[in-house]
């Protein structure tokens, strides 16, 4: 399986506490295991306060690249929160970008305090759709709640990403990496979450 662009630029976005960084680590190591050059750049400054967190993942079969994706040059955006999806599309999007988003909002403190208003859901969905060549919406948080563990929404979204065939990775690649990464008592839950995300995206095709 080859990458469609070289380098292939993947943006992973969310807010602090959603497991954004874990995804970049799992994806990056899986790609390196297959012989790809991978560079990861991350913003972590407000991760513990519920602020925006973003990972740049740059993938090449030819040579190492710098970790920062130029603005307007993302090929794939994987997002754990819909407003962050829109922000990433505005900054890194282009007419060919593929978007996969968890469409379950996490309200920032400014919204919870009444200082700001969260965008209308339908308007947000429409804007994301208009700025993407192709988009998938999943409620990974609700899927995680049904498993009794909403924190696995990030792994559900990872399953969806692999199902989209946008990366040169198979289900087995990620399943093997998760077995190497997670402690034994968490492996089965995360493998189940991954499978749920994989099937949820495939069911939309």
N, C-alpha and C. Protein backbone atom coordinates (compact mmCIF):
# COMPACT_ATOMS: atom_id res chain seq x y z
N UNK A 1 0.86 -1.20 0.00
CA UNK A 1 0.00 0.00 0.00
C UNK A 1 0.89 1.25 0.00
N UNK A 2 0.72 2.11 -0.97
CA UNK A 2 1.56 3.31 -1.09
C UNK A 2 0.80 4.54 -0.62
N UNK A 3 1.56 5.56 -0.23
CA UNK A 3 0.92 6.83 0.13
C UNK A 3 0.59 7.60 -1.13
N UNK A 4 -0.52 8.34 -1.09
CA UNK A 4 -0.98 9.02 -2.31
C UNK A 4 -0.23 10.32 -2.57
N UNK A 5 0.40 10.88 -1.55
CA UNK A 5 1.25 12.06 -1.68
C UNK A 5 2.52 11.80 -0.88
N UNK A 6 3.62 12.40 -1.28
CA UNK A 6 4.86 12.22 -0.54
C UNK A 6 5.56 13.57 -0.40
N UNK A 7 5.57 14.15 0.79
CA UNK A 7 5.07 13.58 2.04
C UNK A 7 3.55 13.66 2.13
N UNK A 8 3.00 12.75 2.91
CA UNK A 8 1.58 12.78 3.24
C UNK A 8 1.44 13.50 4.57
N UNK A 9 0.59 14.53 4.60
CA UNK A 9 0.46 15.39 5.77
C UNK A 9 -0.86 15.10 6.50
N UNK A 10 -0.73 14.60 7.72
CA UNK A 10 -1.88 14.28 8.56
C UNK A 10 -1.92 15.22 9.75
N UNK A 11 -3.05 15.87 9.96
CA UNK A 11 -3.28 16.69 11.15
C UNK A 11 -4.22 15.93 12.08
N UNK A 12 -3.82 15.81 13.35
CA UNK A 12 -4.67 15.22 14.38
C UNK A 12 -4.98 16.31 15.39
N UNK A 13 -6.24 16.62 15.60
CA UNK A 13 -6.58 17.73 16.48
C UNK A 13 -7.61 17.32 17.52
N UNK A 14 -7.63 18.06 18.60
CA UNK A 14 -8.59 17.82 19.68
C UNK A 14 -8.34 18.82 20.78
N UNK A 15 -8.77 18.49 21.98
CA UNK A 15 -8.50 19.32 23.14
C UNK A 15 -7.80 18.46 24.19
N UNK A 16 -7.17 19.12 25.13
CA UNK A 16 -6.42 18.41 26.15
C UNK A 16 -7.27 17.38 26.88
N UNK A 17 -6.72 16.20 27.03
CA UNK A 17 -7.41 15.13 27.73
C UNK A 17 -8.11 14.13 26.83
N UNK A 18 -8.16 14.39 25.53
CA UNK A 18 -8.85 13.48 24.62
C UNK A 18 -7.96 12.36 24.08
N UNK A 19 -6.68 12.41 24.36
CA UNK A 19 -5.79 11.35 23.88
C UNK A 19 -5.23 11.59 22.51
N UNK A 20 -5.15 12.84 22.12
CA UNK A 20 -4.62 13.23 20.82
C UNK A 20 -3.19 12.73 20.62
N UNK A 21 -2.36 12.91 21.63
CA UNK A 21 -0.94 12.57 21.51
C UNK A 21 -0.74 11.06 21.38
N UNK A 22 -1.57 10.30 22.08
CA UNK A 22 -1.49 8.84 21.96
C UNK A 22 -1.70 8.41 20.52
N UNK A 23 -2.65 9.03 19.83
CA UNK A 23 -2.91 8.66 18.44
C UNK A 23 -1.69 8.90 17.56
N UNK A 24 -1.05 10.05 17.73
CA UNK A 24 0.12 10.33 16.89
C UNK A 24 1.23 9.34 17.16
N UNK A 25 1.36 8.90 18.41
CA UNK A 25 2.39 7.91 18.75
C UNK A 25 2.09 6.54 18.13
N UNK A 26 0.84 6.10 18.24
CA UNK A 26 0.47 4.81 17.67
C UNK A 26 0.64 4.80 16.15
N UNK A 27 0.18 5.87 15.51
CA UNK A 27 0.28 5.96 14.06
C UNK A 27 1.73 6.05 13.62
N UNK A 28 2.49 6.93 14.29
CA UNK A 28 3.89 7.12 13.92
C UNK A 28 4.71 5.85 14.05
N UNK A 29 4.55 5.14 15.16
CA UNK A 29 5.33 3.92 15.35
C UNK A 29 4.92 2.83 14.36
N UNK A 30 3.62 2.74 14.07
CA UNK A 30 3.15 1.75 13.10
C UNK A 30 3.74 2.02 11.72
N UNK A 31 3.83 3.29 11.35
CA UNK A 31 4.40 3.64 10.05
C UNK A 31 5.90 3.36 10.01
N UNK A 32 6.59 3.68 11.09
CA UNK A 32 8.03 3.42 11.12
C UNK A 32 8.31 1.92 11.07
N UNK A 33 7.43 1.14 11.68
CA UNK A 33 7.59 -0.32 11.62
C UNK A 33 7.52 -0.84 10.19
N UNK A 34 6.86 -0.07 9.32
CA UNK A 34 6.72 -0.48 7.92
C UNK A 34 7.77 0.20 7.02
N UNK A 35 8.70 0.91 7.64
CA UNK A 35 9.81 1.47 6.88
C UNK A 35 9.63 2.89 6.40
N UNK A 36 8.57 3.57 6.82
CA UNK A 36 8.36 4.96 6.41
C UNK A 36 9.15 5.92 7.29
N UNK A 37 9.52 7.05 6.72
CA UNK A 37 10.05 8.15 7.50
C UNK A 37 8.86 8.91 8.10
N UNK A 38 8.92 9.20 9.38
CA UNK A 38 7.81 9.87 10.06
C UNK A 38 8.36 11.00 10.92
N UNK A 39 7.77 12.18 10.78
CA UNK A 39 8.10 13.31 11.65
C UNK A 39 6.82 13.77 12.33
N UNK A 40 6.88 13.99 13.63
CA UNK A 40 5.71 14.40 14.40
C UNK A 40 6.02 15.71 15.13
N UNK A 41 5.16 16.69 14.92
CA UNK A 41 5.25 17.96 15.65
C UNK A 41 3.96 18.18 16.40
N UNK A 42 4.07 18.61 17.66
CA UNK A 42 2.89 18.71 18.52
C UNK A 42 2.84 20.04 19.26
N UNK A 43 1.61 20.49 19.52
CA UNK A 43 1.40 21.63 20.40
C UNK A 43 0.81 21.10 21.69
N UNK A 44 1.49 21.36 22.79
CA UNK A 44 1.11 20.77 24.07
C UNK A 44 0.85 21.80 25.16
N UNK A 45 1.02 23.08 24.85
CA UNK A 45 1.05 24.10 25.89
C UNK A 45 -0.16 24.16 26.79
N UNK A 46 -1.36 23.92 26.25
CA UNK A 46 -2.57 24.04 27.07
C UNK A 46 -3.29 22.70 27.19
N UNK A 47 -2.54 21.61 27.00
CA UNK A 47 -3.17 20.29 26.96
C UNK A 47 -3.89 19.94 28.25
N UNK A 48 -3.37 20.40 29.38
CA UNK A 48 -3.97 20.01 30.65
C UNK A 48 -5.11 20.92 31.07
N UNK A 49 -5.37 21.96 30.31
CA UNK A 49 -6.43 22.89 30.69
C UNK A 49 -7.63 22.82 29.74
N UNK A 50 -7.69 21.76 28.95
CA UNK A 50 -8.80 21.63 28.02
C UNK A 50 -8.65 22.49 26.79
N UNK A 51 -7.45 23.00 26.55
CA UNK A 51 -7.21 23.83 25.38
C UNK A 51 -6.91 23.00 24.15
N UNK A 52 -6.76 23.67 23.04
CA UNK A 52 -6.53 22.98 21.77
C UNK A 52 -5.19 22.26 21.77
N UNK A 53 -5.20 21.04 21.24
CA UNK A 53 -3.99 20.23 21.09
C UNK A 53 -3.95 19.72 19.65
N UNK A 54 -2.77 19.80 19.03
CA UNK A 54 -2.68 19.41 17.64
C UNK A 54 -1.38 18.67 17.39
N UNK A 55 -1.44 17.63 16.58
CA UNK A 55 -0.25 16.93 16.12
C UNK A 55 -0.14 17.03 14.61
N UNK A 56 1.05 17.34 14.13
CA UNK A 56 1.38 17.25 12.71
C UNK A 56 2.11 15.94 12.50
N UNK A 57 1.64 15.10 11.60
CA UNK A 57 2.32 13.85 11.28
C UNK A 57 2.65 13.88 9.79
N UNK A 58 3.94 13.83 9.47
CA UNK A 58 4.38 13.88 8.07
C UNK A 58 5.04 12.56 7.71
N UNK A 59 4.58 11.96 6.63
CA UNK A 59 4.93 10.59 6.27
C UNK A 59 5.56 10.58 4.88
N UNK A 60 6.71 9.93 4.77
CA UNK A 60 7.36 9.85 3.47
C UNK A 60 8.00 8.48 3.28
N UNK A 61 7.97 8.00 2.06
CA UNK A 61 8.67 6.77 1.70
C UNK A 61 10.08 7.07 1.19
N UNK A 62 10.40 8.37 1.02
CA UNK A 62 11.65 8.74 0.35
C UNK A 62 12.71 9.32 1.28
N UNK A 63 12.29 10.21 2.20
CA UNK A 63 13.27 10.97 2.97
C UNK A 63 12.60 11.62 4.17
N UNK A 64 13.37 12.01 5.18
CA UNK A 64 12.79 12.72 6.32
C UNK A 64 12.36 14.14 5.92
N UNK A 65 11.26 14.59 6.49
CA UNK A 65 10.80 15.96 6.32
C UNK A 65 10.70 16.61 7.69
N UNK A 66 10.68 17.93 7.70
CA UNK A 66 10.45 18.65 8.95
C UNK A 66 9.08 18.34 9.49
N UNK A 67 8.87 18.51 10.82
CA UNK A 67 7.62 18.08 11.44
C UNK A 67 6.44 19.02 11.27
N UNK A 68 6.65 20.21 10.76
CA UNK A 68 5.56 21.18 10.69
C UNK A 68 4.94 21.20 9.29
N UNK A 69 3.63 21.00 9.26
CA UNK A 69 2.88 21.03 8.00
C UNK A 69 2.64 22.48 7.59
N UNK A 70 2.97 22.86 6.38
CA UNK A 70 2.68 24.23 5.94
C UNK A 70 1.18 24.50 5.94
N UNK A 71 0.80 25.72 6.20
CA UNK A 71 -0.62 26.07 6.18
C UNK A 71 -1.20 25.81 4.79
N UNK A 72 -2.41 25.25 4.80
CA UNK A 72 -3.09 24.93 3.55
C UNK A 72 -2.63 23.65 2.89
N UNK A 73 -1.81 22.84 3.59
CA UNK A 73 -1.20 21.68 2.94
C UNK A 73 -1.54 20.35 3.61
N UNK A 74 -2.58 20.28 4.41
CA UNK A 74 -2.98 18.99 5.00
C UNK A 74 -3.64 18.12 3.93
N UNK A 75 -3.36 16.84 3.97
CA UNK A 75 -4.05 15.88 3.10
C UNK A 75 -5.20 15.20 3.85
N UNK A 76 -4.98 14.97 5.15
CA UNK A 76 -5.99 14.31 5.99
C UNK A 76 -6.06 15.05 7.32
N UNK A 77 -7.27 15.31 7.78
CA UNK A 77 -7.48 15.87 9.12
C UNK A 77 -8.32 14.89 9.91
N UNK A 78 -7.76 14.41 11.01
CA UNK A 78 -8.49 13.56 11.96
C UNK A 78 -8.70 14.39 13.21
N UNK A 79 -9.96 14.59 13.58
CA UNK A 79 -10.24 15.49 14.70
C UNK A 79 -11.16 14.84 15.72
N UNK A 80 -10.86 15.11 16.98
CA UNK A 80 -11.63 14.54 18.08
C UNK A 80 -12.71 15.49 18.58
N UNK A 81 -12.81 16.68 17.99
CA UNK A 81 -13.79 17.68 18.45
C UNK A 81 -14.17 18.56 17.26
N UNK A 82 -15.48 18.80 17.03
CA UNK A 82 -15.90 19.43 15.78
C UNK A 82 -15.46 20.88 15.59
N UNK A 83 -15.44 21.69 16.65
CA UNK A 83 -14.99 23.07 16.46
C UNK A 83 -13.51 23.11 16.13
N UNK A 84 -12.74 22.20 16.75
CA UNK A 84 -11.32 22.11 16.40
C UNK A 84 -11.14 21.64 14.96
N UNK A 85 -12.05 20.81 14.49
CA UNK A 85 -12.02 20.39 13.08
C UNK A 85 -12.09 21.60 12.17
N UNK A 86 -13.04 22.47 12.44
CA UNK A 86 -13.22 23.66 11.61
C UNK A 86 -11.97 24.56 11.67
N UNK A 87 -11.44 24.72 12.86
CA UNK A 87 -10.23 25.55 12.99
C UNK A 87 -9.07 24.99 12.17
N UNK A 88 -8.92 23.67 12.20
CA UNK A 88 -7.84 23.05 11.44
C UNK A 88 -8.09 23.17 9.93
N UNK A 89 -9.34 23.05 9.52
CA UNK A 89 -9.66 23.19 8.10
C UNK A 89 -9.36 24.61 7.61
N UNK A 90 -9.68 25.58 8.42
CA UNK A 90 -9.41 26.97 8.04
C UNK A 90 -7.91 27.21 7.89
N UNK A 91 -7.13 26.59 8.77
CA UNK A 91 -5.68 26.81 8.76
C UNK A 91 -4.94 25.90 7.79
N UNK A 92 -5.32 24.63 7.73
CA UNK A 92 -4.54 23.66 6.97
C UNK A 92 -5.28 23.06 5.78
N UNK A 93 -6.56 23.37 5.64
CA UNK A 93 -7.37 22.76 4.59
C UNK A 93 -7.06 23.27 3.20
N UNK A 94 -7.60 22.56 2.22
CA UNK A 94 -7.46 22.89 0.80
C UNK A 94 -8.55 22.10 0.08
N UNK A 95 -8.76 22.34 -1.20
CA UNK A 95 -9.87 21.67 -1.90
C UNK A 95 -9.80 20.14 -1.94
N UNK A 96 -8.64 19.55 -1.62
CA UNK A 96 -8.49 18.09 -1.69
C UNK A 96 -8.46 17.41 -0.33
N UNK A 97 -8.61 18.15 0.75
CA UNK A 97 -8.40 17.58 2.08
C UNK A 97 -9.52 16.60 2.45
N UNK A 98 -9.14 15.51 3.09
CA UNK A 98 -10.07 14.50 3.59
C UNK A 98 -10.21 14.70 5.10
N UNK A 99 -11.45 14.73 5.59
CA UNK A 99 -11.70 15.02 7.00
C UNK A 99 -12.48 13.89 7.66
N UNK A 100 -12.04 13.51 8.85
CA UNK A 100 -12.76 12.54 9.68
C UNK A 100 -12.89 13.16 11.05
N UNK A 101 -14.11 13.37 11.52
CA UNK A 101 -14.29 14.08 12.78
C UNK A 101 -15.26 13.40 13.73
N UNK A 102 -14.90 13.43 14.99
CA UNK A 102 -15.84 13.10 16.06
C UNK A 102 -16.78 14.29 16.19
N UNK A 103 -18.05 14.09 15.90
CA UNK A 103 -18.99 15.22 15.93
C UNK A 103 -19.70 15.27 17.28
N UNK A 104 -18.91 15.37 18.32
CA UNK A 104 -19.44 15.47 19.68
C UNK A 104 -18.67 16.60 20.36
N UNK A 105 -19.33 17.72 20.65
CA UNK A 105 -18.62 18.89 21.15
C UNK A 105 -18.13 18.74 22.59
N UNK A 106 -16.98 19.36 22.85
CA UNK A 106 -16.51 19.58 24.21
C UNK A 106 -16.45 21.09 24.41
N UNK A 107 -17.30 21.60 25.25
CA UNK A 107 -17.41 23.06 25.39
C UNK A 107 -16.23 23.63 26.17
N UNK A 108 -15.57 24.65 25.62
CA UNK A 108 -14.48 25.31 26.36
C UNK A 108 -15.03 26.09 27.55
N UNK A 109 -14.13 26.47 28.42
CA UNK A 109 -14.52 27.18 29.64
C UNK A 109 -15.28 28.46 29.31
N UNK A 110 -14.89 29.13 28.25
CA UNK A 110 -15.55 30.39 27.89
C UNK A 110 -17.02 30.18 27.55
N UNK A 111 -17.34 29.02 26.95
CA UNK A 111 -18.73 28.69 26.64
C UNK A 111 -19.47 28.28 27.90
N UNK A 112 -18.84 27.45 28.73
CA UNK A 112 -19.47 26.99 29.97
C UNK A 112 -19.76 28.16 30.91
N UNK A 113 -18.91 29.18 30.86
CA UNK A 113 -19.11 30.34 31.74
C UNK A 113 -20.10 31.34 31.18
N UNK A 114 -20.52 31.13 29.92
CA UNK A 114 -21.48 32.04 29.30
C UNK A 114 -20.83 33.20 28.56
N UNK A 115 -19.50 33.24 28.55
CA UNK A 115 -18.82 34.34 27.87
C UNK A 115 -18.94 34.23 26.36
N UNK A 116 -18.84 33.01 25.85
CA UNK A 116 -18.92 32.76 24.41
C UNK A 116 -20.04 31.77 24.12
N UNK A 117 -20.42 31.68 22.84
CA UNK A 117 -21.42 30.72 22.41
C UNK A 117 -20.77 29.71 21.46
N UNK A 118 -21.14 28.45 21.63
CA UNK A 118 -20.65 27.42 20.73
C UNK A 118 -21.44 27.51 19.43
N UNK A 119 -20.80 27.29 18.28
CA UNK A 119 -21.53 27.41 17.00
C UNK A 119 -22.72 26.45 16.90
N UNK A 120 -23.71 26.86 16.15
CA UNK A 120 -24.84 26.00 15.84
C UNK A 120 -24.35 24.72 15.17
N UNK A 121 -24.85 23.56 15.63
CA UNK A 121 -24.34 22.28 15.16
C UNK A 121 -24.48 22.10 13.65
N UNK A 122 -25.65 22.45 13.13
CA UNK A 122 -25.87 22.24 11.69
C UNK A 122 -25.00 23.18 10.87
N UNK A 123 -24.82 24.41 11.35
CA UNK A 123 -23.94 25.35 10.65
C UNK A 123 -22.50 24.85 10.68
N UNK A 124 -22.11 24.27 11.81
CA UNK A 124 -20.76 23.73 11.95
C UNK A 124 -20.56 22.54 11.01
N UNK A 125 -21.55 21.66 10.96
CA UNK A 125 -21.47 20.51 10.06
C UNK A 125 -21.38 20.97 8.60
N UNK A 126 -22.17 21.96 8.23
CA UNK A 126 -22.16 22.45 6.86
C UNK A 126 -20.82 23.07 6.49
N UNK A 127 -20.25 23.84 7.43
CA UNK A 127 -18.97 24.49 7.15
C UNK A 127 -17.87 23.45 6.97
N UNK A 128 -17.86 22.42 7.83
CA UNK A 128 -16.86 21.36 7.71
C UNK A 128 -17.00 20.64 6.37
N UNK A 129 -18.24 20.37 5.99
CA UNK A 129 -18.50 19.69 4.72
C UNK A 129 -18.03 20.52 3.53
N UNK A 130 -18.32 21.80 3.56
CA UNK A 130 -17.97 22.67 2.45
C UNK A 130 -16.46 22.84 2.30
N UNK A 131 -15.73 22.72 3.39
CA UNK A 131 -14.28 22.92 3.35
C UNK A 131 -13.51 21.62 3.11
N UNK A 132 -14.22 20.51 2.92
CA UNK A 132 -13.58 19.21 2.75
C UNK A 132 -13.94 18.61 1.40
N UNK A 133 -12.99 17.93 0.78
CA UNK A 133 -13.31 17.18 -0.44
C UNK A 133 -14.17 15.98 -0.11
N UNK A 134 -13.92 15.39 1.06
CA UNK A 134 -14.66 14.23 1.55
C UNK A 134 -14.63 14.28 3.06
N UNK A 135 -15.77 14.00 3.69
CA UNK A 135 -15.82 14.08 5.14
C UNK A 135 -16.66 12.95 5.71
N UNK A 136 -16.22 12.43 6.85
CA UNK A 136 -16.99 11.47 7.63
C UNK A 136 -17.23 12.05 9.01
N UNK A 137 -18.47 11.96 9.48
CA UNK A 137 -18.84 12.40 10.82
C UNK A 137 -19.19 11.16 11.66
N UNK A 138 -18.59 11.04 12.83
CA UNK A 138 -18.93 9.97 13.77
C UNK A 138 -19.13 10.57 15.16
N UNK A 139 -20.01 9.98 15.93
CA UNK A 139 -20.10 10.37 17.34
C UNK A 139 -19.33 9.33 18.15
N UNK A 140 -18.00 9.48 18.13
CA UNK A 140 -17.15 8.51 18.80
C UNK A 140 -17.31 8.57 20.32
N UNK A 141 -17.63 9.75 20.83
CA UNK A 141 -17.82 9.88 22.28
C UNK A 141 -19.02 9.05 22.73
N UNK A 142 -20.11 9.11 21.99
CA UNK A 142 -21.28 8.31 22.33
C UNK A 142 -20.98 6.83 22.21
N UNK A 143 -20.23 6.44 21.19
CA UNK A 143 -19.84 5.04 21.04
C UNK A 143 -19.00 4.59 22.24
N UNK A 144 -18.12 5.46 22.71
CA UNK A 144 -17.32 5.14 23.88
C UNK A 144 -18.17 5.02 25.14
N UNK A 145 -19.17 5.89 25.26
CA UNK A 145 -20.08 5.81 26.40
C UNK A 145 -20.81 4.48 26.43
N UNK A 146 -21.19 3.98 25.26
CA UNK A 146 -21.88 2.70 25.20
C UNK A 146 -20.97 1.54 25.60
N UNK A 147 -19.66 1.76 25.50
CA UNK A 147 -18.70 0.77 25.98
C UNK A 147 -18.43 0.94 27.48
N UNK A 148 -18.99 2.01 28.04
CA UNK A 148 -18.74 2.30 29.45
C UNK A 148 -17.45 3.05 29.69
N UNK A 149 -16.82 3.56 28.62
CA UNK A 149 -15.52 4.21 28.75
C UNK A 149 -15.37 5.27 27.66
N UNK A 150 -15.93 6.47 27.85
CA UNK A 150 -15.88 7.49 26.79
C UNK A 150 -14.47 7.92 26.42
N UNK A 151 -13.50 7.64 27.28
CA UNK A 151 -12.12 8.05 26.98
C UNK A 151 -11.56 7.32 25.77
N UNK A 152 -12.17 6.19 25.37
CA UNK A 152 -11.66 5.45 24.21
C UNK A 152 -12.17 6.02 22.90
N UNK A 153 -12.81 7.17 22.93
CA UNK A 153 -13.25 7.82 21.68
C UNK A 153 -12.09 8.03 20.73
N UNK A 154 -10.91 8.33 21.27
CA UNK A 154 -9.76 8.53 20.39
C UNK A 154 -9.39 7.27 19.62
N UNK A 155 -9.47 6.10 20.28
CA UNK A 155 -9.15 4.84 19.61
C UNK A 155 -10.25 4.47 18.61
N UNK A 156 -11.48 4.83 18.92
CA UNK A 156 -12.58 4.65 17.96
C UNK A 156 -12.29 5.46 16.69
N UNK A 157 -11.83 6.69 16.87
CA UNK A 157 -11.50 7.52 15.71
C UNK A 157 -10.29 6.97 14.95
N UNK A 158 -9.36 6.34 15.66
CA UNK A 158 -8.23 5.70 15.00
C UNK A 158 -8.72 4.56 14.10
N UNK A 159 -9.66 3.78 14.59
CA UNK A 159 -10.24 2.73 13.77
C UNK A 159 -10.89 3.30 12.51
N UNK A 160 -11.59 4.42 12.67
CA UNK A 160 -12.21 5.07 11.52
C UNK A 160 -11.17 5.54 10.52
N UNK A 161 -10.08 6.10 11.01
CA UNK A 161 -9.01 6.57 10.12
C UNK A 161 -8.45 5.42 9.30
N UNK A 162 -8.19 4.29 9.93
CA UNK A 162 -7.63 3.15 9.19
C UNK A 162 -8.65 2.62 8.18
N UNK A 163 -9.93 2.63 8.55
CA UNK A 163 -10.97 2.18 7.63
C UNK A 163 -11.09 3.07 6.40
N UNK A 164 -10.68 4.33 6.53
CA UNK A 164 -10.78 5.27 5.41
C UNK A 164 -9.76 5.00 4.31
N UNK A 165 -8.75 4.18 4.61
CA UNK A 165 -7.68 3.84 3.65
C UNK A 165 -6.86 5.05 3.21
N UNK A 166 -6.78 6.06 4.07
CA UNK A 166 -5.98 7.24 3.75
C UNK A 166 -4.52 7.08 4.15
N UNK A 167 -4.22 6.09 5.00
CA UNK A 167 -2.85 5.83 5.41
C UNK A 167 -2.43 4.44 4.93
N UNK A 168 -1.13 4.22 4.73
CA UNK A 168 -0.65 2.91 4.28
C UNK A 168 -0.52 1.94 5.44
N UNK A 169 -1.59 1.78 6.19
CA UNK A 169 -1.62 0.92 7.37
C UNK A 169 -2.85 0.04 7.34
N UNK A 170 -2.71 -1.18 7.85
CA UNK A 170 -3.82 -2.12 7.93
C UNK A 170 -4.34 -2.20 9.35
N UNK A 171 -5.46 -2.85 9.50
CA UNK A 171 -6.00 -3.11 10.84
C UNK A 171 -4.97 -3.85 11.69
N UNK A 172 -4.34 -4.85 11.11
CA UNK A 172 -3.37 -5.64 11.87
C UNK A 172 -2.18 -4.80 12.34
N UNK A 173 -1.74 -3.86 11.50
CA UNK A 173 -0.64 -2.98 11.89
C UNK A 173 -0.94 -2.27 13.20
N UNK A 174 -2.14 -1.70 13.28
CA UNK A 174 -2.51 -0.95 14.47
C UNK A 174 -2.84 -1.85 15.65
N UNK A 175 -3.47 -2.97 15.38
CA UNK A 175 -3.78 -3.91 16.45
C UNK A 175 -2.49 -4.42 17.10
N UNK A 176 -1.49 -4.72 16.29
CA UNK A 176 -0.21 -5.17 16.83
C UNK A 176 0.44 -4.07 17.67
N UNK A 177 0.38 -2.84 17.17
CA UNK A 177 1.00 -1.73 17.91
C UNK A 177 0.27 -1.46 19.22
N UNK A 178 -1.06 -1.59 19.23
CA UNK A 178 -1.80 -1.40 20.46
C UNK A 178 -1.46 -2.47 21.49
N UNK A 179 -1.26 -3.68 21.02
CA UNK A 179 -0.88 -4.76 21.95
C UNK A 179 0.49 -4.48 22.57
N UNK A 180 1.37 -3.83 21.81
CA UNK A 180 2.69 -3.48 22.32
C UNK A 180 2.66 -2.25 23.23
N UNK A 181 1.62 -1.42 23.07
CA UNK A 181 1.57 -0.13 23.77
C UNK A 181 0.77 -0.17 25.06
N UNK A 182 -0.41 -0.78 25.02
CA UNK A 182 -1.31 -0.73 26.17
C UNK A 182 -0.97 -1.80 27.20
N UNK A 183 -1.19 -1.51 28.48
CA UNK A 183 -1.05 -2.57 29.49
C UNK A 183 -2.09 -3.66 29.25
N UNK A 184 -1.78 -4.85 29.72
CA UNK A 184 -2.60 -6.03 29.39
C UNK A 184 -4.06 -5.85 29.76
N UNK A 185 -4.35 -5.16 30.88
CA UNK A 185 -5.73 -5.02 31.31
C UNK A 185 -6.54 -4.06 30.45
N UNK A 186 -5.87 -3.31 29.56
CA UNK A 186 -6.58 -2.35 28.71
C UNK A 186 -6.62 -2.76 27.24
N UNK A 187 -5.93 -3.82 26.89
CA UNK A 187 -5.81 -4.18 25.48
C UNK A 187 -7.16 -4.53 24.86
N UNK A 188 -7.92 -5.39 25.49
CA UNK A 188 -9.17 -5.86 24.87
C UNK A 188 -10.16 -4.72 24.68
N UNK A 189 -10.27 -3.83 25.66
CA UNK A 189 -11.17 -2.69 25.53
C UNK A 189 -10.78 -1.82 24.34
N UNK A 190 -9.50 -1.55 24.20
CA UNK A 190 -9.05 -0.69 23.11
C UNK A 190 -9.16 -1.38 21.76
N UNK A 191 -8.92 -2.67 21.70
CA UNK A 191 -9.12 -3.38 20.44
C UNK A 191 -10.59 -3.36 20.04
N UNK A 192 -11.48 -3.47 21.01
CA UNK A 192 -12.91 -3.41 20.72
C UNK A 192 -13.31 -2.02 20.23
N UNK A 193 -12.76 -0.98 20.87
CA UNK A 193 -13.04 0.39 20.45
C UNK A 193 -12.55 0.62 19.02
N UNK A 194 -11.37 0.11 18.73
CA UNK A 194 -10.81 0.25 17.38
C UNK A 194 -11.72 -0.41 16.34
N UNK A 195 -12.20 -1.58 16.65
CA UNK A 195 -13.09 -2.32 15.74
C UNK A 195 -14.40 -1.56 15.53
N UNK A 196 -14.94 -0.97 16.59
CA UNK A 196 -16.19 -0.21 16.47
C UNK A 196 -16.01 0.97 15.52
N UNK A 197 -14.90 1.70 15.67
CA UNK A 197 -14.64 2.83 14.79
C UNK A 197 -14.43 2.41 13.34
N UNK A 198 -13.72 1.31 13.16
CA UNK A 198 -13.48 0.79 11.82
C UNK A 198 -14.79 0.46 11.14
N UNK A 199 -15.66 -0.27 11.83
CA UNK A 199 -16.94 -0.67 11.24
C UNK A 199 -17.86 0.52 11.05
N UNK A 200 -17.80 1.50 11.96
CA UNK A 200 -18.70 2.67 11.85
C UNK A 200 -18.39 3.46 10.59
N UNK A 201 -17.12 3.64 10.27
CA UNK A 201 -16.82 4.39 9.06
C UNK A 201 -17.14 3.57 7.82
N UNK A 202 -16.82 2.29 7.82
CA UNK A 202 -17.11 1.46 6.66
C UNK A 202 -18.61 1.40 6.38
N UNK A 203 -19.43 1.50 7.42
CA UNK A 203 -20.89 1.43 7.24
C UNK A 203 -21.41 2.69 6.54
N UNK A 204 -20.62 3.77 6.52
CA UNK A 204 -21.04 5.01 5.86
C UNK A 204 -20.68 5.01 4.37
N UNK A 205 -19.90 4.04 3.95
CA UNK A 205 -19.47 4.02 2.54
C UNK A 205 -20.50 3.35 1.65
